[in-house]
Amino acid sequence: MSWLTLTASRFPRLASLVLTGVGLSVCGVILQHIVRNKFVEPATSGGLDAAKLGILVALTMIPTSSNIIRMLFALLFCFASSLIFVGMVSRIRLKSTVLIPVIGLMYGGVLSAIAEYYAYHNNILQSMQGWMLGDFSKIVQGNYEIIYLILPIVVLTYLYAQRFTMLGMGEGIAKSLGLNYTATVVLGLILVAVTVASTVITVGAIPFVGLVIPNLVAMHYGDNLGRTLPLVALGGASLLLICDIIGRLLIHPFEVPIGLTAGSIGGILFFILILWRNRA
């Protein structure tokens, strides 16, 4: 019985926690290099909200769709949303450190409002609640395996780490170094979309992991992804494990959804980082 519990529940939950933390932190650092802003990640660029909207559209268009189909819808919506966000940012001349994430939060708010209206209009508002907050309590063997898509995403990110590092230098410098700028940006956005879609469909939306960890690592080790990416991945996994432990201890034997604990801790750290950046 104990072995069944371990293989059917405990190990899937641990694997999901680690892979989600790794994936969100890695896709956060990719977005930050594409946009050249340290305060951008899926939660502050509309990616999470677009993925939720994609899942809702899949539920109404194909009510009997599998998780794979829903993930594909979330992927397409997240990718399209990211393209629009990058397009908006590229047209902004005054690129203040704080202005870009504020625009992203406003953009995400619009997408979230559209998703809520769409869910209310189609009488599936209750179904939307499952993707509003990240929660690992329902992870069991057989309904979490999509999360393993993050493994090849991390490998590809590491293989292209030098190219993503060049993206962070700006379009002019990247092109002068021989980088196919547009193709690399599109690849990065695809990797982000796959990661966000697989995590949202499996555990729901978890904010700020991809924002806090890359910033903390960059403060001490710089922005060379070839060197810092393993530390970013390890930091993301560690942060989610800590948030999960806190959530399970706060109101034991009950459990606080990790979306709340990660959002609270990440939000506080996000505020501290903004103050520190402005003071610097």
C-alpha atoms as a PDB file:
ATOM      1  CA  MET A   1       0.000   0.000   0.000  1.00  0.00           C
ATOM      2  CA  SER A   2       2.815   2.420   0.911  1.00  0.00           C
ATOM      3  CA  TRP A   3       4.606   1.602  -2.381  1.00  0.00           C
ATOM      4  CA  LEU A   4       1.395   2.303  -4.337  1.00  0.00           C
ATOM      5  CA  THR A   5       1.018   5.666  -2.574  1.00  0.00           C
ATOM      6  CA  LEU A   6       4.624   6.500  -3.363  1.00  0.00           C
ATOM      7  CA  THR A   7       4.425   5.650  -7.068  1.00  0.00           C
ATOM      8  CA  ALA A   8       0.865   6.843  -7.730  1.00  0.00           C
ATOM      9  CA  SER A   9       0.885  10.097  -5.755  1.00  0.00           C
ATOM     10  CA  ARG A  10       4.092  11.143  -4.013  1.00  0.00           C
ATOM     11  CA  PHE A  11       6.530  10.717  -6.886  1.00  0.00           C
ATOM     12  CA  PRO A  12       4.209  12.294  -9.504  1.00  0.00           C
ATOM     13  CA  ARG A  13       3.728  15.286  -7.205  1.00  0.00           C
ATOM     14  CA  LEU A  14       7.460  15.684  -6.602  1.00  0.00           C
ATOM     15  CA  ALA A  15       8.241  15.344 -10.310  1.00  0.00           C
ATOM     16  CA  SER A  16       5.546  17.900 -11.180  1.00  0.00           C
ATOM     17  CA  LEU A  17       6.861  20.363  -8.583  1.00  0.00           C
ATOM     18  CA  VAL A  18      10.440  20.115  -9.797  1.00  0.00           C
ATOM     19  CA  LEU A  19       9.621  20.241 -13.516  1.00  0.00           C
ATOM     20  CA  THR A  20       7.170  23.126 -13.103  1.00  0.00           C
ATOM     21  CA  GLY A  21       9.701  25.156 -11.136  1.00  0.00           C
ATOM     22  CA  VAL A  22      12.427  24.417 -13.675  1.00  0.00           C
ATOM     23  CA  GLY A  23      10.197  25.161 -16.669  1.00  0.00           C
ATOM     24  CA  LEU A  24       8.740  28.427 -15.389  1.00  0.00           C
ATOM     25  CA  SER A  25      12.111  29.813 -14.316  1.00  0.00           C
ATOM     26  CA  VAL A  26      13.707  28.873 -17.649  1.00  0.00           C
ATOM     27  CA  CYS A  27      10.918  30.356 -19.772  1.00  0.00           C
ATOM     28  CA  GLY A  28      11.068  33.486 -17.603  1.00  0.00           C
ATOM     29  CA  VAL A  29      14.741  34.005 -18.399  1.00  0.00           C
ATOM     30  CA  ILE A  30      14.063  33.421 -22.122  1.00  0.00           C
ATOM     31  CA  LEU A  31      11.384  36.119 -22.167  1.00  0.00           C
ATOM     32  CA  GLN A  32      13.624  38.515 -20.263  1.00  0.00           C
ATOM     33  CA  HIS A  33      16.345  38.167 -22.884  1.00  0.00           C
ATOM     34  CA  ILE A  34      13.903  38.537 -25.778  1.00  0.00           C
ATOM     35  CA  VAL A  35      12.270  41.686 -24.369  1.00  0.00           C
ATOM     36  CA  ARG A  36      15.470  42.896 -22.643  1.00  0.00           C
ATOM     37  CA  ASN A  37      13.627  43.579 -19.402  1.00  0.00           C
ATOM     38  CA  LYS A  38      14.261  41.843 -16.079  1.00  0.00           C
ATOM     39  CA  PHE A  39      10.656  42.114 -14.919  1.00  0.00           C
ATOM     40  CA  VAL A  40       9.033  40.094 -17.686  1.00  0.00           C
ATOM     41  CA  GLU A  41       7.778  36.512 -17.343  1.00  0.00           C
ATOM     42  CA  PRO A  42       4.568  34.662 -18.370  1.00  0.00           C
ATOM     43  CA  ALA A  43       2.580  36.227 -15.510  1.00  0.00           C
ATOM     44  CA  THR A  44       3.643  39.776 -16.451  1.00  0.00           C
ATOM     45  CA  SER A  45       3.343  39.402 -20.222  1.00  0.00           C
ATOM     46  CA  GLY A  46      -0.130  37.868 -20.609  1.00  0.00           C
ATOM     47  CA  GLY A  47       1.117  34.330 -21.307  1.00  0.00           C
ATOM     48  CA  LEU A  48      -0.653  32.624 -18.401  1.00  0.00           C
ATOM     49  CA  ASP A  49      -3.936  34.407 -19.088  1.00  0.00           C
ATOM     50  CA  ALA A  50      -3.763  33.568 -22.794  1.00  0.00           C
ATOM     51  CA  ALA A  51      -3.170  29.893 -21.978  1.00  0.00           C
ATOM     52  CA  LYS A  52      -6.263  29.846 -19.748  1.00  0.00           C
ATOM     53  CA  LEU A  53      -8.311  31.442 -22.531  1.00  0.00           C
ATOM     54  CA  GLY A  54      -7.070  28.797 -24.963  1.00  0.00           C
ATOM     55  CA  ILE A  55      -8.173  25.996 -22.631  1.00  0.00           C
ATOM     56  CA  LEU A  56     -11.630  27.555 -22.283  1.00  0.00           C
ATOM     57  CA  VAL A  57     -11.977  27.818 -26.060  1.00  0.00           C
ATOM     58  CA  ALA A  58     -11.024  24.150 -26.364  1.00  0.00           C
ATOM     59  CA  LEU A  59     -13.654  23.206 -23.770  1.00  0.00           C
ATOM     60  CA  THR A  60     -16.418  24.945 -25.734  1.00  0.00           C
ATOM     61  CA  MET A  61     -15.328  23.973 -29.251  1.00  0.00           C
ATOM     62  CA  ILE A  62     -14.430  20.351 -28.415  1.00  0.00           C
ATOM     63  CA  PRO A  63     -16.151  19.455 -25.101  1.00  0.00           C
ATOM     64  CA  THR A  64     -14.771  15.907 -25.145  1.00  0.00           C
ATOM     65  CA  SER A  65     -11.209  16.991 -25.970  1.00  0.00           C
ATOM     66  CA  SER A  66      -8.274  15.318 -24.243  1.00  0.00           C
ATOM     67  CA  ASN A  67      -5.606  17.142 -22.264  1.00  0.00           C
ATOM     68  CA  ILE A  68      -3.340  17.034 -25.314  1.00  0.00           C
ATOM     69  CA  ILE A  69      -5.875  18.937 -27.434  1.00  0.00           C
ATOM     70  CA  ARG A  70      -6.451  21.475 -24.650  1.00  0.00           C
ATOM     71  CA  MET A  71      -2.718  21.926 -24.259  1.00  0.00           C
ATOM     72  CA  LEU A  72      -2.372  22.590 -28.003  1.00  0.00           C
ATOM     73  CA  PHE A  73      -5.047  25.295 -27.786  1.00  0.00           C
ATOM     74  CA  ALA A  74      -3.274  26.803 -24.763  1.00  0.00           C
ATOM     75  CA  LEU A  75       0.037  26.644 -26.641  1.00  0.00           C
ATOM     76  CA  LEU A  76      -1.340  28.445 -29.703  1.00  0.00           C
ATOM     77  CA  PHE A  77      -3.013  31.156 -27.639  1.00  0.00           C
ATOM     78  CA  CYS A  78       0.088  31.664 -25.483  1.00  0.00           C
ATOM     79  CA  PHE A  79       2.363  31.864 -28.543  1.00  0.00           C
ATOM     80  CA  ALA A  80       0.078  34.355 -30.303  1.00  0.00           C
ATOM     81  CA  SER A  81      -0.221  36.418 -27.121  1.00  0.00           C
ATOM     82  CA  SER A  82       3.567  36.474 -26.702  1.00  0.00           C
ATOM     83  CA  LEU A  83       4.046  37.614 -30.304  1.00  0.00           C
ATOM     84  CA  ILE A  84       1.596  40.467 -29.748  1.00  0.00           C
ATOM     85  CA  PHE A  85       3.318  41.453 -26.494  1.00  0.00           C
ATOM     86  CA  VAL A  86       6.782  41.452 -28.082  1.00  0.00           C
ATOM     87  CA  GLY A  87       5.369  43.482 -30.982  1.00  0.00           C
ATOM     88  CA  MET A  88       3.895  46.049 -28.578  1.00  0.00           C
ATOM     89  CA  VAL A  89       7.120  46.332 -26.584  1.00  0.00           C
ATOM     90  CA  SER A  90       9.214  46.788 -29.725  1.00  0.00           C
ATOM     91  CA  ARG A  91       7.128  49.845 -30.666  1.00  0.00           C
ATOM     92  CA  ILE A  92       7.579  51.558 -27.302  1.00  0.00           C
ATOM     93  CA  ARG A  93      10.336  54.160 -27.425  1.00  0.00           C
ATOM     94  CA  LEU A  94      10.488  54.971 -23.714  1.00  0.00           C
ATOM     95  CA  LYS A  95      11.460  51.553 -22.371  1.00  0.00           C
ATOM     96  CA  SER A  96      11.426  52.230 -18.636  1.00  0.00           C
ATOM     97  CA  THR A  97      12.373  49.310 -16.396  1.00  0.00           C
ATOM     98  CA  VAL A  98       8.961  49.314 -14.731  1.00  0.00           C
ATOM     99  CA  LEU A  99       6.860  50.440 -17.725  1.00  0.00           C
ATOM    100  CA  ILE A 100       7.181  47.158 -19.672  1.00  0.00           C
ATOM    101  CA  PRO A 101       5.894  44.830 -16.899  1.00  0.00           C
ATOM    102  CA  VAL A 102       3.095  47.300 -16.110  1.00  0.00           C
ATOM    103  CA  ILE A 103       1.999  47.141 -19.755  1.00  0.00           C
ATOM    104  CA  GLY A 104       2.257  43.340 -19.557  1.00  0.00           C
ATOM    105  CA  LEU A 105       0.101  43.216 -16.425  1.00  0.00           C
ATOM    106  CA  MET A 106      -2.511  45.448 -18.091  1.00  0.00           C
ATOM    107  CA  TYR A 107      -2.408  43.256 -21.194  1.00  0.00           C
ATOM    108  CA  GLY A 108      -2.802  40.141 -19.049  1.00  0.00           C
ATOM    109  CA  GLY A 109      -5.699  41.782 -17.215  1.00  0.00           C
ATOM    110  CA  VAL A 110      -7.512  42.348 -20.504  1.00  0.00           C
ATOM    111  CA  LEU A 111      -6.958  38.718 -21.526  1.00  0.00           C
ATOM    112  CA  SER A 112      -8.126  37.516 -18.107  1.00  0.00           C
ATOM    113  CA  ALA A 113     -11.290  39.630 -18.380  1.00  0.00           C
ATOM    114  CA  ILE A 114     -11.974  38.187 -21.841  1.00  0.00           C
ATOM    115  CA  ALA A 115     -11.476  34.680 -20.475  1.00  0.00           C
ATOM    116  CA  GLU A 116     -13.874  35.286 -17.567  1.00  0.00           C
ATOM    117  CA  TYR A 117     -16.522  36.792 -19.856  1.00  0.00           C
ATOM    118  CA  TYR A 118     -16.114  33.896 -22.286  1.00  0.00           C
ATOM    119  CA  ALA A 119     -16.440  31.376 -19.455  1.00  0.00           C
ATOM    120  CA  TYR A 120     -19.499  33.157 -18.028  1.00  0.00           C
ATOM    121  CA  HIS A 121     -21.119  33.455 -21.461  1.00  0.00           C
ATOM    122  CA  ASN A 122     -20.654  29.733 -22.104  1.00  0.00           C
ATOM    123  CA  ASN A 123     -21.603  28.711 -18.560  1.00  0.00           C
ATOM    124  CA  ILE A 124     -18.203  27.135 -17.824  1.00  0.00           C
ATOM    125  CA  LEU A 125     -17.000  29.626 -15.218  1.00  0.00           C
ATOM    126  CA  GLN A 126     -16.655  26.815 -12.701  1.00  0.00           C
ATOM    127  CA  SER A 127     -14.339  24.921 -15.055  1.00  0.00           C
ATOM    128  CA  MET A 128     -12.093  27.973 -15.218  1.00  0.00           C
ATOM    129  CA  GLN A 129     -11.387  27.859 -11.481  1.00  0.00           C
ATOM    130  CA  GLY A 130      -9.137  24.837 -11.961  1.00  0.00           C
ATOM    131  CA  TRP A 131      -6.653  26.957 -13.923  1.00  0.00           C
ATOM    132  CA  MET A 132      -6.907  30.106 -11.821  1.00  0.00           C
ATOM    133  CA  LEU A 133      -4.552  28.932  -9.071  1.00  0.00           C
ATOM    134  CA  GLY A 134      -1.766  26.395  -9.183  1.00  0.00           C
ATOM    135  CA  ASP A 135      -2.531  23.315  -7.116  1.00  0.00           C
ATOM    136  CA  PHE A 136      -0.543  20.078  -6.868  1.00  0.00           C
ATOM    137  CA  SER A 137      -2.954  18.267  -4.535  1.00  0.00           C
ATOM    138  CA  LYS A 138      -4.730  16.495  -7.418  1.00  0.00           C
ATOM    139  CA  ILE A 139      -1.572  15.255  -9.137  1.00  0.00           C
ATOM    140  CA  VAL A 140      -1.673  11.469  -9.454  1.00  0.00           C
ATOM    141  CA  GLN A 141      -0.260   8.900 -11.830  1.00  0.00           C
ATOM    142  CA  GLY A 142      -1.984   9.083 -15.211  1.00  0.00           C
ATOM    143  CA  ASN A 143      -2.925  12.775 -15.310  1.00  0.00           C
ATOM    144  CA  TYR A 144       0.381  14.613 -15.021  1.00  0.00           C
ATOM    145  CA  GLU A 145       2.664  13.083 -17.662  1.00  0.00           C
ATOM    146  CA  ILE A 146       2.310  16.071 -20.044  1.00  0.00           C
ATOM    147  CA  ILE A 147       4.608  17.959 -17.677  1.00  0.00           C
ATOM    148  CA  TYR A 148       7.544  15.866 -18.936  1.00  0.00           C
ATOM    149  CA  LEU A 149       7.494  17.980 -22.116  1.00  0.00           C
ATOM    150  CA  ILE A 150       9.496  20.456 -20.066  1.00  0.00           C
ATOM    151  CA  LEU A 151      12.548  18.176 -20.166  1.00  0.00           C
ATOM    152  CA  PRO A 152      13.271  18.589 -23.917  1.00  0.00           C
ATOM    153  CA  ILE A 153      12.425  22.303 -23.594  1.00  0.00           C
ATOM    154  CA  VAL A 154      15.151  22.735 -20.976  1.00  0.00           C
ATOM    155  CA  VAL A 155      17.629  20.764 -23.093  1.00  0.00           C
ATOM    156  CA  LEU A 156      16.893  22.913 -26.169  1.00  0.00           C
ATOM    157  CA  THR A 157      17.190  26.088 -24.110  1.00  0.00           C
ATOM    158  CA  TYR A 158      20.609  25.006 -22.877  1.00  0.00           C
ATOM    159  CA  LEU A 159      21.751  24.131 -26.402  1.00  0.00           C
ATOM    160  CA  TYR A 160      20.666  27.590 -27.606  1.00  0.00           C
ATOM    161  CA  ALA A 161      21.813  29.372 -24.445  1.00  0.00           C
ATOM    162  CA  GLN A 162      24.493  31.377 -26.253  1.00  0.00           C
ATOM    163  CA  ARG A 163      21.991  32.578 -28.865  1.00  0.00           C
ATOM    164  CA  PHE A 164      19.473  33.627 -26.223  1.00  0.00           C
ATOM    165  CA  THR A 165      22.273  35.464 -24.427  1.00  0.00           C
ATOM    166  CA  MET A 166      22.963  37.387 -27.639  1.00  0.00           C
ATOM    167  CA  LEU A 167      19.264  38.313 -27.861  1.00  0.00           C
ATOM    168  CA  GLY A 168      19.677  40.151 -24.587  1.00  0.00           C
ATOM    169  CA  MET A 169      22.323  42.398 -26.186  1.00  0.00           C
ATOM    170  CA  GLY A 170      19.778  43.912 -28.569  1.00  0.00           C
ATOM    171  CA  GLU A 171      18.770  43.319 -32.164  1.00  0.00           C
ATOM    172  CA  GLY A 172      21.564  45.365 -33.706  1.00  0.00           C
ATOM    173  CA  ILE A 173      24.404  43.696 -31.819  1.00  0.00           C
ATOM    174  CA  ALA A 174      22.858  40.216 -32.190  1.00  0.00           C
ATOM    175  CA  LYS A 175      22.604  40.584 -35.967  1.00  0.00           C
ATOM    176  CA  SER A 176      26.135  41.949 -36.197  1.00  0.00           C
ATOM    177  CA  LEU A 177      27.329  38.787 -34.443  1.00  0.00           C
ATOM    178  CA  GLY A 178      25.672  36.672 -37.150  1.00  0.00           C
ATOM    179  CA  LEU A 179      22.530  35.677 -35.232  1.00  0.00           C
ATOM    180  CA  ASN A 180      19.271  35.079 -37.101  1.00  0.00           C
ATOM    181  CA  TYR A 181      17.389  37.368 -34.746  1.00  0.00           C
ATOM    182  CA  THR A 182      13.805  36.717 -35.864  1.00  0.00           C
ATOM    183  CA  ALA A 183      14.180  32.931 -35.979  1.00  0.00           C
ATOM    184  CA  THR A 184      15.742  32.874 -32.505  1.00  0.00           C
ATOM    185  CA  VAL A 185      12.958  35.038 -31.063  1.00  0.00           C
ATOM    186  CA  VAL A 186      10.302  32.764 -32.583  1.00  0.00           C
ATOM    187  CA  LEU A 187      12.072  29.681 -31.225  1.00  0.00           C
ATOM    188  CA  GLY A 188      12.232  31.234 -27.776  1.00  0.00           C
ATOM    189  CA  LEU A 189       8.532  32.105 -27.814  1.00  0.00           C
ATOM    190  CA  ILE A 190       7.649  28.562 -28.920  1.00  0.00           C
ATOM    191  CA  LEU A 191       9.666  27.103 -26.033  1.00  0.00           C
ATOM    192  CA  VAL A 192       7.911  29.470 -23.624  1.00  0.00           C
ATOM    193  CA  ALA A 193       4.468  28.625 -25.041  1.00  0.00           C
ATOM    194  CA  VAL A 194       5.010  24.865 -24.731  1.00  0.00           C
ATOM    195  CA  THR A 195       6.218  25.250 -21.139  1.00  0.00           C
ATOM    196  CA  VAL A 196       3.351  27.512 -20.079  1.00  0.00           C
ATOM    197  CA  ALA A 197       0.719  25.345 -21.794  1.00  0.00           C
ATOM    198  CA  SER A 198       1.989  22.115 -20.236  1.00  0.00           C
ATOM    199  CA  THR A 199       2.170  23.607 -16.733  1.00  0.00           C
ATOM    200  CA  VAL A 200      -1.221  25.360 -16.865  1.00  0.00           C
ATOM    201  CA  ILE A 201      -3.025  22.263 -18.156  1.00  0.00           C
ATOM    202  CA  THR A 202      -1.380  20.122 -15.468  1.00  0.00           C
ATOM    203  CA  VAL A 203      -1.262  22.238 -12.300  1.00  0.00           C
ATOM    204  CA  GLY A 204      -2.777  25.634 -13.153  1.00  0.00           C
ATOM    205  CA  ALA A 205      -1.293  29.129 -13.150  1.00  0.00           C
ATOM    206  CA  ILE A 206       1.700  29.829 -10.901  1.00  0.00           C
ATOM    207  CA  PRO A 207       3.005  33.422 -11.059  1.00  0.00           C
ATOM    208  CA  PHE A 208       6.367  35.095 -10.394  1.00  0.00           C
ATOM    209  CA  VAL A 209       8.629  32.013 -10.392  1.00  0.00           C
ATOM    210  CA  GLY A 210      10.050  32.984 -13.783  1.00  0.00           C
ATOM    211  CA  LEU A 211      10.595  36.532 -12.601  1.00  0.00           C
ATOM    212  CA  VAL A 212      12.207  36.172  -9.184  1.00  0.00           C
ATOM    213  CA  ILE A 213      14.678  33.339  -9.762  1.00  0.00           C
ATOM    214  CA  PRO A 214      16.376  34.684 -12.959  1.00  0.00           C
ATOM    215  CA  ASN A 215      16.817  38.068 -11.267  1.00  0.00           C
ATOM    216  CA  LEU A 216      18.371  36.600  -8.140  1.00  0.00           C
ATOM    217  CA  VAL A 217      20.747  34.463 -10.202  1.00  0.00           C
ATOM    218  CA  ALA A 218      21.680  37.336 -12.548  1.00  0.00           C
ATOM    219  CA  MET A 219      22.481  39.598  -9.584  1.00  0.00           C
ATOM    220  CA  HIS A 220      25.254  37.243  -8.492  1.00  0.00           C
ATOM    221  CA  TYR A 221      26.345  35.415 -11.660  1.00  0.00           C
ATOM    222  CA  GLY A 222      25.512  37.684 -14.600  1.00  0.00           C
ATOM    223  CA  ASP A 223      23.460  37.075 -17.739  1.00  0.00           C
ATOM    224  CA  ASN A 224      25.476  34.424 -19.589  1.00  0.00           C
ATOM    225  CA  LEU A 225      22.869  31.663 -19.895  1.00  0.00           C
ATOM    226  CA  GLY A 226      25.476  29.064 -20.734  1.00  0.00           C
ATOM    227  CA  ARG A 227      26.739  29.466 -17.178  1.00  0.00           C
ATOM    228  CA  THR A 228      23.632  30.484 -15.233  1.00  0.00           C
ATOM    229  CA  LEU A 229      20.867  28.337 -16.749  1.00  0.00           C
ATOM    230  CA  PRO A 230      21.503  25.311 -14.448  1.00  0.00           C
ATOM    231  CA  LEU A 231      21.365  27.657 -11.440  1.00  0.00           C
ATOM    232  CA  VAL A 232      18.112  29.206 -12.714  1.00  0.00           C
ATOM    233  CA  ALA A 233      16.570  25.754 -13.121  1.00  0.00           C
ATOM    234  CA  LEU A 234      17.726  24.636  -9.666  1.00  0.00           C
ATOM    235  CA  GLY A 235      16.460  27.862  -8.099  1.00  0.00           C
ATOM    236  CA  GLY A 236      13.012  27.520  -9.689  1.00  0.00           C
ATOM    237  CA  ALA A 237      12.617  23.938  -8.478  1.00  0.00           C
ATOM    238  CA  SER A 238      13.811  24.891  -4.977  1.00  0.00           C
ATOM    239  CA  LEU A 239      11.426  27.845  -4.720  1.00  0.00           C
ATOM    240  CA  LEU A 240       8.392  25.733  -5.632  1.00  0.00           C
ATOM    241  CA  LEU A 241       9.415  22.990  -3.194  1.00  0.00           C
ATOM    242  CA  ILE A 242       9.698  25.576  -0.416  1.00  0.00           C
ATOM    243  CA  CYS A 243       6.316  27.099  -1.331  1.00  0.00           C
ATOM    244  CA  ASP A 244       4.760  23.623  -1.354  1.00  0.00           C
ATOM    245  CA  ILE A 245       6.126  22.801   2.101  1.00  0.00           C
ATOM    246  CA  ILE A 246       4.876  26.131   3.485  1.00  0.00           C
ATOM    247  CA  GLY A 247       1.439  25.584   1.939  1.00  0.00           C
ATOM    248  CA  ARG A 248       1.155  22.136   3.509  1.00  0.00           C
ATOM    249  CA  LEU A 249       2.221  23.327   6.972  1.00  0.00           C
ATOM    250  CA  LEU A 250       0.224  26.568   7.291  1.00  0.00           C
ATOM    251  CA  ILE A 251      -3.191  24.991   7.946  1.00  0.00           C
ATOM    252  CA  HIS A 252      -2.188  21.335   8.419  1.00  0.00           C
ATOM    253  CA  PRO A 253      -3.825  18.829   7.801  1.00  0.00           C
ATOM    254  CA  PHE A 254      -5.335  20.961   5.023  1.00  0.00           C
ATOM    255  CA  GLU A 255      -3.364  22.540   2.207  1.00  0.00           C
ATOM    256  CA  VAL A 256      -3.004  26.056   0.800  1.00  0.00           C
ATOM    257  CA  PRO A 257      -2.817  26.001  -3.037  1.00  0.00           C
ATOM    258  CA  ILE A 258       0.728  26.643  -4.186  1.00  0.00           C
ATOM    259  CA  GLY A 259      -0.538  29.395  -6.471  1.00  0.00           C
ATOM    260  CA  LEU A 260      -1.286  31.444  -3.337  1.00  0.00           C
ATOM    261  CA  THR A 261       2.005  30.773  -1.555  1.00  0.00           C
ATOM    262  CA  ALA A 262       4.126  31.240  -4.699  1.00  0.00           C
ATOM    263  CA  GLY A 263       2.133  34.355  -5.646  1.00  0.00           C
ATOM    264  CA  SER A 264       2.540  35.860  -2.165  1.00  0.00           C
ATOM    265  CA  ILE A 265       6.252  35.142  -1.796  1.00  0.00           C
ATOM    266  CA  GLY A 266       6.969  35.997  -5.435  1.00  0.00           C
ATOM    267  CA  GLY A 267       4.917  39.198  -5.234  1.00  0.00           C
ATOM    268  CA  ILE A 268       6.850  40.415  -2.195  1.00  0.00           C
ATOM    269  CA  LEU A 269      10.172  39.603  -3.849  1.00  0.00           C
ATOM    270  CA  PHE A 270       8.959  41.282  -7.068  1.00  0.00           C
ATOM    271  CA  PHE A 271       8.208  44.482  -5.131  1.00  0.00           C
ATOM    272  CA  ILE A 272      11.615  44.368  -3.431  1.00  0.00           C
ATOM    273  CA  LEU A 273      13.356  43.860  -6.782  1.00  0.00           C
ATOM    274  CA  ILE A 274      11.553  46.875  -8.308  1.00  0.00           C
ATOM    275  CA  LEU A 275      12.612  49.076  -5.377  1.00  0.00           C
ATOM    276  CA  TRP A 276      16.174  47.776  -5.555  1.00  0.00           C
ATOM    277  CA  ARG A 277      16.407  48.323  -9.330  1.00  0.00           C
ATOM    278  CA  ASN A 278      15.032  51.859  -9.095  1.00  0.00           C
ATOM    279  CA  ARG A 279      17.393  52.724  -6.253  1.00  0.00           C
ATOM    280  CA  ALA A 280      20.351  51.269  -8.173  1.00  0.00           C
END
